[in-house]
Amino acid sequence: MVKEIGHFIGGKAVAGTSGRFADVYDPNTGEVQARVALASEAELKTAVADAKAAQPAWAATNPQRRARVLAKFIELVNAEKEELAQMLSSEHGKTIPDSHGDIQRGIEVCEFATGIPHLLKGEYTQNAGPGIDIYSMRQALGVTAGITPFNFPAMIPMWKFAPAIACGNAFILKPSERDPSVPMRLAELMMEAGLPAGILNVVNGDKASVDAILDDQDIQAVGFVGSTAIAEYVYSRGCAAGKRVQCFGGAKNHMIIMPDADMDQAVDALIGAGYGSAGERCMAISVAVPVGEETANRLVSKLMPRVENLRIGPSTDREADYGPVVTGQALDRIRDYVEVGIKEGATLAVDGRDFKMQGYENGYFMGGCLFDNVTRDMRIYKEEIFGPVLSVVRAKTYEEALELPMSHEYGNGVAIYTRDGDAARDFADRINIGMVGVNVPIPVPLAYYTFGGWKKSSFGDLNQHGPDSVRFYTRTKTVTSRWPSGIKDGAEFSIPTMN
């Protein structure tokens, strides 16, 4: 019997009442393994009402005690990490070791958030004026929300709810309906850690739930991660409703390979960053830019056998390089892009479309594809494929290579491989991309820095995790104070100054 997944509202799992469901597939077999409830607006409002009622007491709880709840949550997640990784892989399709990484990167943001007693400290100036003191404080917004994607069902929910809750907010999580089990379990573990009921709610759903979140007047802030088209929609609709909004969209991440680069190191980086997690990462390298014809020929000759020999297996195969993609629709879309690339004139050096996994013939498996001689006018260069497809765009010079990511509409991540410190420094200084790697293929900052792209990859002026997360989930209040001291100044009609 196929299990049903409901919601987590008011501190407990509850069944869905809308009568609408979505299928949750096992990407390894193509079979339906669960049905997830799709919330109605009424169910969302119930979650918001519970959150709104619980939030003031949580905000009044001192930051150290809030941090202790997160510390206990980290302990519980670490104790259950293997079970969580297996659950994640069974719905997403990424390998179990990759799922461990997904969970660990979420834990690291939770660890950062346990520093909230220090992070919330304001500023103080004594005697800013005659007998006047000025101080600032950061206060919680109230009820906040996060809309998170399928490709990191543990990491990104934790990136959202950990700092929000640490700051004293209540949180409504709307995870992807494709792999909802891990977010539900994380909410249960937060309750086991001592979080009061109503502070973290999980509302599963589709566009109807997203719109209900964006329109609800009690939700003060919304964070989103997904495609650029949806990011723009969420940002514009949320801002129109008067909310604070941060949205992170698509990517087309380039890696520049200079003639002096360690070619074996560069190829290793491209194989891992381009094909890991079947390319279903917003920080995946999808464009390799070798500088000079000789560099390009060496790169492609080394890449081809590596792509041909990628080990693809079910998500339970701990030795596999990657597993299936998330759904049949995703598989069809990736294959369609490969066909587009061929029609546009790119050279398909390695074709993985016909890969079949023995014993898993109905699974959503895709072999690695490698395109050479890709040009900037092609759709496979301009658009995000989100699959195990790497494009090689040959550049004659460093300046030509630099201009490619500079002029692309996306600006999430970029990398350069070189032994030349001057070239690397120039690259990092000039590039208009939010996250830059120097001999690092996936430059995802650690939890105490902020994560965010530029251009069409990001909407809003504050990034995820790090200090920006505390700024996003709080408001600054500044108090100017003077106590009576026998001074009688009389009425003042001009604006106060420090003169």
Protein backbone atom coordinates (compact mmCIF):
# COMPACT_ATOMS: atom_id res chain seq x y z
CA MET A 1 0.00 0.00 0.00
CA VAL A 2 1.31 3.45 -0.96
CA LYS A 3 1.87 5.61 2.11
CA GLU A 4 0.33 9.07 2.43
CA ILE A 5 2.31 12.08 3.60
CA GLY A 6 0.35 14.96 5.11
CA HIS A 7 1.63 18.10 6.83
CA PHE A 8 3.31 19.07 10.10
CA ILE A 9 1.19 21.71 11.82
CA GLY A 10 0.93 22.74 15.44
CA GLY A 11 3.70 20.42 16.56
CA LYS A 12 2.40 17.19 15.00
CA ALA A 13 1.89 15.36 11.75
CA VAL A 14 -1.62 15.85 10.37
CA ALA A 15 -3.42 14.36 7.40
CA GLY A 16 -4.22 16.54 4.42
CA THR A 17 -7.83 17.61 4.05
CA SER A 18 -7.87 19.20 0.58
CA GLY A 19 -8.45 15.91 -1.22
CA ARG A 20 -5.58 16.75 -3.61
CA PHE A 21 -2.39 14.65 -3.77
CA ALA A 22 0.81 14.37 -5.80
CA ASP A 23 2.70 11.17 -6.46
CA VAL A 24 6.17 10.72 -4.96
CA TYR A 25 8.28 8.45 -7.16
CA ASP A 26 11.25 6.20 -6.54
CA PRO A 27 13.64 7.52 -9.23
CA ASN A 28 15.51 4.20 -9.24
CA THR A 29 12.48 2.19 -10.37
CA GLY A 30 9.98 4.73 -11.66
CA GLU A 31 7.38 3.40 -9.24
CA VAL A 32 5.10 5.51 -7.04
CA GLN A 33 6.20 5.05 -3.44
CA ALA A 34 4.01 7.63 -1.69
CA ARG A 35 1.32 10.26 -2.12
CA VAL A 36 1.85 13.69 -0.63
CA ALA A 37 -1.07 15.92 0.30
CA LEU A 38 -1.32 19.28 -1.46
CA ALA A 39 -2.52 21.88 1.01
CA SER A 40 -5.49 24.15 0.54
CA GLU A 41 -5.42 27.82 1.48
CA ALA A 42 -7.39 26.90 4.62
CA GLU A 43 -4.70 24.45 5.72
CA LEU A 44 -2.02 27.05 5.15
CA LYS A 45 -3.98 29.54 7.23
CA THR A 46 -4.24 27.00 10.05
CA ALA A 47 -0.46 26.65 10.07
CA VAL A 48 0.00 30.43 10.02
CA ALA A 49 -2.47 30.89 12.88
CA ASP A 50 -0.60 28.32 15.00
CA ALA A 51 2.71 30.00 14.16
CA LYS A 52 1.39 33.46 14.95
CA ALA A 53 0.07 32.32 18.33
CA ALA A 54 3.30 30.58 19.32
CA GLN A 55 5.81 33.15 18.05
CA PRO A 56 5.65 35.91 20.72
CA ALA A 57 6.61 33.54 23.54
CA TRP A 58 9.41 32.07 21.44
CA ALA A 59 10.76 35.54 20.62
CA ALA A 60 10.67 36.34 24.35
CA THR A 61 12.75 33.22 25.09
CA ASN A 62 16.35 34.29 25.58
CA PRO A 63 18.67 33.63 22.62
CA GLN A 64 20.85 31.21 24.56
CA ARG A 65 17.90 28.91 25.20
CA ARG A 66 16.87 29.10 21.54
CA ALA A 67 20.44 28.14 20.66
CA ARG A 68 20.24 25.13 22.97
CA VAL A 69 17.24 23.82 21.05
CA LEU A 70 19.22 24.05 17.82
CA ALA A 71 22.22 22.37 19.46
CA LYS A 72 20.00 19.47 20.54
CA PHE A 73 18.49 19.31 17.05
CA ILE A 74 22.00 19.00 15.57
CA GLU A 75 22.72 16.15 17.96
CA LEU A 76 19.53 14.34 16.92
CA VAL A 77 20.15 14.83 13.19
CA ASN A 78 23.71 13.52 13.53
CA ALA A 79 22.44 10.46 15.37
CA GLU A 80 19.92 9.76 12.59
CA LYS A 81 22.03 10.87 9.63
CA GLU A 82 22.24 7.47 7.94
CA GLU A 83 18.47 6.93 8.08
CA LEU A 84 17.87 10.46 6.82
CA ALA A 85 20.34 9.94 3.95
CA GLN A 86 18.59 6.73 2.89
CA MET A 87 15.20 8.45 3.04
CA LEU A 88 16.52 11.37 1.00
CA SER A 89 18.13 9.19 -1.65
CA SER A 90 15.02 7.03 -2.04
CA GLU A 91 12.96 10.08 -3.12
CA HIS A 92 15.57 12.27 -4.82
CA GLY A 93 17.82 9.67 -6.46
CA LYS A 94 21.19 11.08 -5.40
CA THR A 95 23.63 8.59 -3.94
CA ILE A 96 23.65 8.01 -0.19
CA PRO A 97 27.13 9.58 0.24
CA ASP A 98 25.85 12.63 -1.67
CA SER A 99 22.80 12.74 0.63
CA HIS A 100 25.14 12.74 3.62
CA GLY A 101 26.74 15.87 2.16
CA ASP A 102 23.30 17.44 1.64
CA ILE A 103 22.48 16.89 5.32
CA GLN A 104 25.91 17.97 6.57
CA ARG A 105 25.81 21.33 4.77
CA GLY A 106 22.44 21.98 6.41
CA ILE A 107 23.83 21.04 9.83
CA GLU A 108 26.65 23.54 9.37
CA VAL A 109 24.17 26.40 9.03
CA CYS A 110 22.41 25.16 12.16
CA GLU A 111 25.80 25.25 13.90
CA PHE A 112 26.27 28.84 12.77
CA ALA A 113 22.80 29.70 14.06
CA THR A 114 23.68 28.44 17.56
CA GLY A 115 25.84 31.56 17.79
CA ILE A 116 22.68 33.66 17.83
CA PRO A 117 23.31 35.17 21.31
CA HIS A 118 26.34 36.90 19.82
CA LEU A 119 24.86 37.51 16.36
CA LEU A 120 21.86 39.41 17.76
CA LYS A 121 23.92 41.83 19.83
CA GLY A 122 23.17 45.44 18.94
CA GLU A 123 25.19 48.64 19.27
CA TYR A 124 25.42 51.14 22.11
CA THR A 125 26.73 54.68 22.37
CA GLN A 126 26.83 56.42 25.75
CA ASN A 127 26.58 60.21 25.80
CA ALA A 128 25.82 60.52 22.12
CA GLY A 129 24.43 63.93 23.13
CA PRO A 130 24.00 65.78 26.42
CA GLY A 131 22.70 63.03 28.72
CA ILE A 132 21.58 61.03 25.66
CA ASP A 133 22.36 57.37 25.00
CA ILE A 134 21.61 55.59 21.72
CA TYR A 135 21.34 51.84 21.26
CA SER A 136 20.05 49.46 18.64
CA MET A 137 18.48 46.04 18.84
CA ARG A 138 17.53 43.33 16.36
CA GLN A 139 14.03 41.94 16.76
CA ALA A 140 12.24 39.03 15.12
CA LEU A 141 9.85 39.69 12.24
CA GLY A 142 7.10 37.31 13.39
CA VAL A 143 5.92 34.57 11.03
CA THR A 144 8.31 33.81 8.16
CA ALA A 145 8.27 31.23 5.36
CA GLY A 146 10.52 29.29 3.02
CA ILE A 147 9.78 27.65 -0.34
CA THR A 148 12.52 25.13 -1.06
CA PRO A 149 13.50 22.98 -4.08
CA PHE A 150 13.75 19.24 -4.71
CA ASN A 151 17.50 19.08 -5.27
CA PHE A 152 18.53 19.71 -1.64
CA PRO A 153 15.60 18.54 0.50
CA ALA A 154 17.63 18.63 3.74
CA MET A 155 20.19 21.38 3.24
CA ILE A 156 18.08 24.26 1.97
CA PRO A 157 15.20 23.81 4.44
CA MET A 158 17.79 23.97 7.24
CA TRP A 159 19.43 26.99 5.60
CA LYS A 160 16.05 28.69 5.85
CA PHE A 161 14.46 27.63 9.12
CA ALA A 162 17.56 27.43 11.37
CA PRO A 163 18.48 31.15 11.29
CA ALA A 164 14.83 32.22 11.18
CA ILE A 165 13.97 30.24 14.30
CA ALA A 166 17.20 31.22 16.06
CA CYS A 167 16.25 34.88 15.58
CA GLY A 168 12.92 34.28 17.35
CA ASN A 169 10.60 33.86 14.38
CA ALA A 170 8.06 31.16 13.64
CA PHE A 171 8.53 29.44 10.28
CA ILE A 172 6.31 27.91 7.59
CA LEU A 173 8.23 25.52 5.31
CA LYS A 174 6.80 24.62 1.90
CA PRO A 175 9.24 21.98 0.57
CA SER A 176 9.20 20.38 -2.85
CA GLU A 177 6.38 17.91 -3.31
CA ARG A 178 8.82 15.61 -5.15
CA ASP A 179 10.78 14.58 -2.02
CA PRO A 180 8.87 15.66 1.10
CA SER A 181 9.80 12.98 3.66
CA VAL A 182 13.07 14.45 4.96
CA PRO A 183 11.61 17.93 5.65
CA MET A 184 8.79 16.27 7.58
CA ARG A 185 11.27 14.26 9.65
CA LEU A 186 13.39 17.35 10.34
CA ALA A 187 10.30 19.05 11.81
CA GLU A 188 9.73 16.05 14.08
CA LEU A 189 13.34 16.19 15.23
CA MET A 190 13.00 19.90 16.01
CA MET A 191 10.08 19.04 18.29
CA GLU A 192 12.14 16.31 19.96
CA ALA A 193 14.86 18.92 20.50
CA GLY A 194 12.46 21.06 22.52
CA LEU A 195 11.04 23.51 19.98
CA PRO A 196 7.58 24.72 21.04
CA ALA A 197 4.64 23.57 18.94
CA GLY A 198 3.75 25.96 16.14
CA ILE A 199 7.23 27.45 15.65
CA LEU A 200 8.11 25.15 12.74
CA ASN A 201 5.32 24.01 10.43
CA VAL A 202 5.67 22.03 7.19
CA VAL A 203 2.92 22.61 4.64
CA ASN A 204 3.25 20.40 1.57
CA GLY A 205 1.74 21.70 -1.62
CA ASP A 206 2.02 23.11 -5.11
CA LYS A 207 1.46 26.54 -6.68
CA ALA A 208 -1.75 27.03 -4.69
CA SER A 209 0.25 26.80 -1.45
CA VAL A 210 2.93 29.12 -2.81
CA ASP A 211 0.34 31.75 -3.71
CA ALA A 212 -1.33 31.39 -0.32
CA ILE A 213 2.04 32.03 1.38
CA LEU A 214 2.74 35.06 -0.80
CA ASP A 215 -0.68 36.57 -0.18
CA ASP A 216 -1.00 35.86 3.54
CA GLN A 217 -0.75 39.14 5.43
CA ASP A 218 0.60 37.51 8.59
CA ILE A 219 3.70 36.15 6.85
CA GLN A 220 6.33 38.86 7.04
CA ALA A 221 9.17 37.38 4.97
CA VAL A 222 9.62 34.67 2.34
CA GLY A 223 12.74 32.91 1.09
CA PHE A 224 12.74 30.92 -2.15
CA VAL A 225 15.14 28.70 -4.10
CA GLY A 226 14.24 27.31 -7.52
CA SER A 227 14.15 28.29 -11.19
CA THR A 228 14.61 31.90 -12.26
CA ALA A 229 11.13 32.16 -13.77
CA ILE A 230 9.52 31.14 -10.48
CA ALA A 231 12.00 33.22 -8.47
CA GLU A 232 10.93 36.33 -10.39
CA TYR A 233 7.28 35.45 -9.83
CA VAL A 234 7.72 34.87 -6.09
CA TYR A 235 9.79 38.02 -5.69
CA SER A 236 7.38 40.32 -7.52
CA ARG A 237 4.22 38.91 -5.92
CA GLY A 238 5.75 38.78 -2.44
CA CYS A 239 7.08 42.34 -2.65
CA ALA A 240 3.73 43.55 -3.95
CA ALA A 241 2.18 42.09 -0.80
CA GLY A 242 4.62 44.11 1.33
CA LYS A 243 6.85 41.20 2.37
CA ARG A 244 10.59 41.01 2.72
CA VAL A 245 11.64 38.55 -0.02
CA GLN A 246 14.86 36.82 -1.06
CA CYS A 247 14.79 34.56 -4.11
CA PHE A 248 17.51 32.48 -5.71
CA GLY A 249 17.05 31.23 -9.25
CA GLY A 250 18.88 29.45 -12.05
CA ALA A 251 22.53 29.23 -12.98
CA LYS A 252 24.94 28.54 -15.81
CA ASN A 253 28.25 28.15 -14.04
CA HIS A 254 31.45 28.45 -16.07
CA MET A 255 34.90 27.06 -15.33
CA ILE A 256 37.81 28.78 -17.08
CA ILE A 257 40.80 26.52 -17.76
CA MET A 258 43.97 28.51 -18.40
CA PRO A 259 46.87 27.06 -20.46
CA ASP A 260 49.02 26.79 -17.33
CA ALA A 261 46.38 24.89 -15.31
CA ASP A 262 47.08 21.44 -13.90
CA MET A 263 45.00 19.60 -16.50
CA ASP A 264 44.47 16.44 -14.45
CA GLN A 265 43.25 18.55 -11.53
CA ALA A 266 40.95 20.52 -13.84
CA VAL A 267 39.47 17.36 -15.36
CA ASP A 268 38.86 15.85 -11.92
CA ALA A 269 37.11 19.07 -10.92
CA LEU A 270 34.91 19.11 -14.03
CA ILE A 271 33.91 15.47 -13.66
CA GLY A 272 32.87 15.93 -10.04
CA ALA A 273 31.29 19.37 -10.38
CA GLY A 274 29.63 18.72 -13.73
CA TYR A 275 28.23 15.24 -13.17
CA GLY A 276 27.88 14.88 -9.39
CA SER A 277 24.26 14.52 -8.29
CA ALA A 278 23.45 13.99 -12.01
CA GLY A 279 24.07 17.71 -12.54
CA GLU A 280 21.02 18.62 -10.44
CA ARG A 281 22.79 21.35 -8.47
CA CYS A 282 22.50 25.10 -8.85
CA MET A 283 26.28 25.24 -8.37
CA ALA A 284 27.10 22.50 -10.90
CA ILE A 285 29.67 23.42 -13.53
CA SER A 286 27.86 23.15 -16.86
CA VAL A 287 30.25 25.13 -19.09
CA ALA A 288 33.99 24.46 -19.45
CA VAL A 289 35.96 27.27 -21.13
CA PRO A 290 39.48 26.21 -22.14
CA VAL A 291 41.72 29.09 -23.25
CA GLY A 292 43.59 28.33 -26.47
CA GLU A 293 43.14 25.55 -29.00
CA GLU A 294 45.88 23.37 -27.54
CA THR A 295 44.35 23.66 -24.06
CA ALA A 296 40.93 22.77 -25.46
CA ASN A 297 42.23 19.71 -27.31
CA ARG A 298 44.04 18.42 -24.22
CA LEU A 299 40.97 19.02 -22.07
CA VAL A 300 38.50 17.26 -24.36
CA SER A 301 40.83 14.31 -24.96
CA LYS A 302 41.08 13.75 -21.20
CA LEU A 303 37.39 14.42 -20.52
CA MET A 304 35.95 12.00 -23.07
CA PRO A 305 37.10 8.72 -21.51
CA ARG A 306 36.25 9.98 -18.03
CA VAL A 307 32.67 10.81 -19.08
CA GLU A 308 32.33 7.52 -20.96
CA ASN A 309 33.42 5.62 -17.85
CA LEU A 310 31.27 7.41 -15.28
CA ARG A 311 29.85 4.88 -12.84
CA ILE A 312 26.09 5.33 -12.76
CA GLY A 313 24.02 3.30 -10.36
CA PRO A 314 21.00 3.21 -8.07
CA SER A 315 21.07 5.63 -5.18
CA THR A 316 21.90 2.75 -2.83
CA ASP A 317 25.19 2.08 -4.68
CA ARG A 318 27.74 3.85 -2.50
CA GLU A 319 30.42 3.48 -5.19
CA ALA A 320 28.33 5.15 -7.93
CA ASP A 321 29.36 8.57 -9.20
CA TYR A 322 25.72 9.55 -9.48
CA GLY A 323 22.24 8.05 -9.53
CA PRO A 324 19.02 8.74 -11.43
CA VAL A 325 17.49 12.16 -11.98
CA VAL A 326 14.46 13.03 -9.91
CA THR A 327 11.50 12.36 -12.25
CA GLY A 328 10.61 11.04 -15.67
CA GLN A 329 9.76 14.58 -16.78
CA ALA A 330 13.25 15.74 -15.78
CA LEU A 331 14.79 12.90 -17.79
CA ASP A 332 12.74 13.80 -20.88
CA ARG A 333 13.69 17.47 -20.56
CA ILE A 334 17.41 16.69 -20.38
CA ARG A 335 17.22 14.37 -23.41
CA ASP A 336 15.36 17.08 -25.32
CA TYR A 337 18.16 19.56 -24.58
CA VAL A 338 20.74 17.11 -25.94
CA GLU A 339 18.72 16.83 -29.15
CA VAL A 340 18.55 20.63 -29.35
CA GLY A 341 22.34 20.85 -29.01
CA ILE A 342 22.84 18.41 -31.88
CA LYS A 343 20.43 20.34 -34.10
CA GLU A 344 22.20 23.61 -33.26
CA GLY A 345 25.49 22.20 -34.51
CA ALA A 346 27.40 21.36 -31.34
CA THR A 347 29.59 18.26 -31.39
CA LEU A 348 28.20 15.54 -29.12
CA ALA A 349 31.50 13.97 -28.11
CA VAL A 350 29.89 11.61 -25.59
CA ASP A 351 26.22 10.57 -25.84
CA GLY A 352 24.69 9.11 -22.69
CA ARG A 353 21.04 9.22 -23.69
CA ASP A 354 20.67 5.49 -24.27
CA PHE A 355 22.08 4.42 -20.92
CA LYS A 356 20.00 1.73 -19.21
CA MET A 357 20.60 0.46 -15.70
CA GLN A 358 20.39 -3.31 -15.61
CA GLY A 359 17.66 -4.33 -13.20
CA TYR A 360 16.36 -0.75 -13.10
CA GLU A 361 15.20 -0.33 -16.69
CA ASN A 362 12.26 1.87 -15.68
CA GLY A 363 14.38 4.17 -13.51
CA TYR A 364 15.23 7.72 -14.50
CA PHE A 365 18.87 7.12 -15.42
CA MET A 366 20.85 9.28 -17.85
CA GLY A 367 24.41 8.69 -18.98
CA GLY A 368 26.89 11.53 -19.03
CA CYS A 369 26.85 13.76 -22.12
CA LEU A 370 29.74 15.93 -23.33
CA PHE A 371 29.34 18.63 -25.96
CA ASP A 372 32.29 20.27 -27.73
CA ASN A 373 32.35 23.31 -30.03
CA VAL A 374 29.41 24.91 -28.25
CA THR A 375 28.84 28.58 -29.09
CA ARG A 376 27.24 31.33 -27.09
CA ASP A 377 24.18 31.62 -29.38
CA MET A 378 23.07 28.03 -28.68
CA ARG A 379 20.23 27.23 -26.27
CA ILE A 380 22.33 24.57 -24.56
CA TYR A 381 24.73 27.38 -23.63
CA LYS A 382 22.17 30.01 -22.70
CA GLU A 383 19.71 27.88 -20.72
CA GLU A 384 20.07 25.80 -17.58
CA ILE A 385 19.82 22.08 -18.41
CA PHE A 386 20.04 20.77 -14.82
CA GLY A 387 21.32 17.36 -15.83
CA PRO A 388 24.55 15.42 -16.51
CA VAL A 389 25.49 17.48 -19.57
CA LEU A 390 28.75 19.46 -19.86
CA SER A 391 29.39 21.96 -22.67
CA VAL A 392 32.87 22.97 -23.86
CA VAL A 393 33.04 26.52 -25.22
CA ARG A 394 36.48 27.20 -26.72
CA ALA A 395 38.02 30.65 -26.14
CA LYS A 396 41.04 32.02 -27.98
CA THR A 397 42.19 34.35 -25.18
CA TYR A 398 41.77 35.00 -21.47
CA GLU A 399 39.74 38.15 -22.22
CA GLU A 400 37.37 36.18 -24.46
CA ALA A 401 36.98 33.54 -21.76
CA LEU A 402 36.32 36.18 -19.10
CA GLU A 403 33.67 37.85 -21.22
CA LEU A 404 31.56 34.69 -21.49
CA PRO A 405 30.37 34.51 -17.86
CA MET A 406 30.47 38.31 -17.63
CA SER A 407 27.84 38.65 -20.37
CA HIS A 408 25.68 35.65 -19.41
CA GLU A 409 22.34 36.47 -17.80
CA TYR A 410 23.05 34.17 -14.84
CA GLY A 411 25.61 35.01 -12.19
CA ASN A 412 25.56 32.29 -9.57
CA GLY A 413 29.01 30.67 -9.50
CA VAL A 414 32.20 30.64 -11.55
CA ALA A 415 35.67 29.11 -11.28
CA ILE A 416 39.13 29.53 -12.78
CA TYR A 417 41.88 26.92 -12.89
CA THR A 418 45.37 28.36 -13.18
CA ARG A 419 48.81 28.43 -11.56
CA ASP A 420 49.09 32.18 -12.20
CA GLY A 421 48.24 34.19 -9.09
CA ASP A 422 48.02 37.45 -11.04
CA ALA A 423 45.45 35.99 -13.47
CA ALA A 424 43.44 34.52 -10.59
CA ARG A 425 43.45 37.82 -8.71
CA ASP A 426 42.40 39.75 -11.82
CA PHE A 427 39.64 37.24 -12.48
CA ALA A 428 38.25 37.38 -8.95
CA ASP A 429 38.31 41.19 -9.00
CA ARG A 430 36.64 41.73 -12.38
CA ILE A 431 34.07 38.94 -12.66
CA ASN A 432 30.43 39.92 -12.07
CA ILE A 433 29.42 36.65 -10.41
CA GLY A 434 28.34 36.18 -6.81
CA MET A 435 30.52 33.19 -5.84
CA VAL A 436 34.00 32.67 -7.27
CA GLY A 437 36.32 29.67 -7.08
CA VAL A 438 40.07 29.78 -7.65
CA ASN A 439 41.12 26.17 -8.32
CA VAL A 440 37.87 25.28 -6.49
CA PRO A 441 35.11 24.01 -8.81
CA ILE A 442 32.03 24.48 -6.61
CA PRO A 443 32.67 27.65 -4.57
CA VAL A 444 29.84 27.27 -2.05
CA PRO A 445 30.88 29.44 0.92
CA LEU A 446 30.99 27.94 4.38
CA ALA A 447 28.08 28.61 6.72
CA TYR A 448 29.57 31.72 8.32
CA TYR A 449 29.81 33.47 4.94
CA THR A 450 26.80 34.23 2.76
CA PHE A 451 25.57 32.26 -0.26
CA GLY A 452 24.08 34.11 -3.22
CA GLY A 453 24.49 34.88 -6.90
CA TRP A 454 24.17 38.01 -8.99
CA LYS A 455 22.12 39.02 -12.02
CA LYS A 456 19.25 36.66 -12.91
CA SER A 457 20.40 34.16 -10.28
CA SER A 458 19.25 36.26 -7.34
CA PHE A 459 16.45 38.66 -6.43
CA GLY A 460 16.65 40.71 -3.25
CA ASP A 461 19.53 42.44 -1.50
CA LEU A 462 20.36 39.83 1.17
CA ASN A 463 21.87 36.38 0.71
CA GLN A 464 21.34 33.02 2.40
CA HIS A 465 23.05 31.95 5.64
CA GLY A 466 25.93 33.77 7.31
CA PRO A 467 25.42 37.31 8.67
CA ASP A 468 22.90 38.14 5.92
CA SER A 469 20.49 35.53 7.28
CA VAL A 470 20.34 37.32 10.63
CA ARG A 471 19.74 40.63 8.85
CA PHE A 472 17.01 39.08 6.70
CA TYR A 473 15.08 37.52 9.59
CA THR A 474 15.23 40.54 11.91
CA ARG A 475 14.40 44.24 11.96
CA THR A 476 16.68 46.84 13.51
CA LYS A 477 15.19 49.13 16.10
CA THR A 478 17.18 52.14 17.32
CA VAL A 479 16.42 53.78 20.68
CA THR A 480 17.48 57.30 21.63
CA SER A 481 17.18 57.70 25.40
CA ARG A 482 17.52 60.51 27.93
CA TRP A 483 16.45 60.37 31.57
CA PRO A 484 15.40 63.54 33.44
CA SER A 485 18.40 65.13 35.16
CA GLY A 486 17.14 68.53 36.19
CA ILE A 487 18.03 70.04 32.81
CA LYS A 488 15.30 72.28 31.42
CA ASP A 489 15.94 72.99 27.78
CA GLY A 490 12.52 74.33 26.83
CA ALA A 491 10.74 73.43 23.63
CA GLU A 492 12.87 72.72 20.54
CA PHE A 493 11.41 73.31 17.10
CA SER A 494 14.38 72.48 14.89
CA ILE A 495 15.55 68.96 14.09
CA PRO A 496 17.83 67.53 16.81
CA THR A 497 21.55 67.49 15.97
CA MET A 498 24.71 66.55 17.80
CA ASN A 499 25.90 70.19 17.96
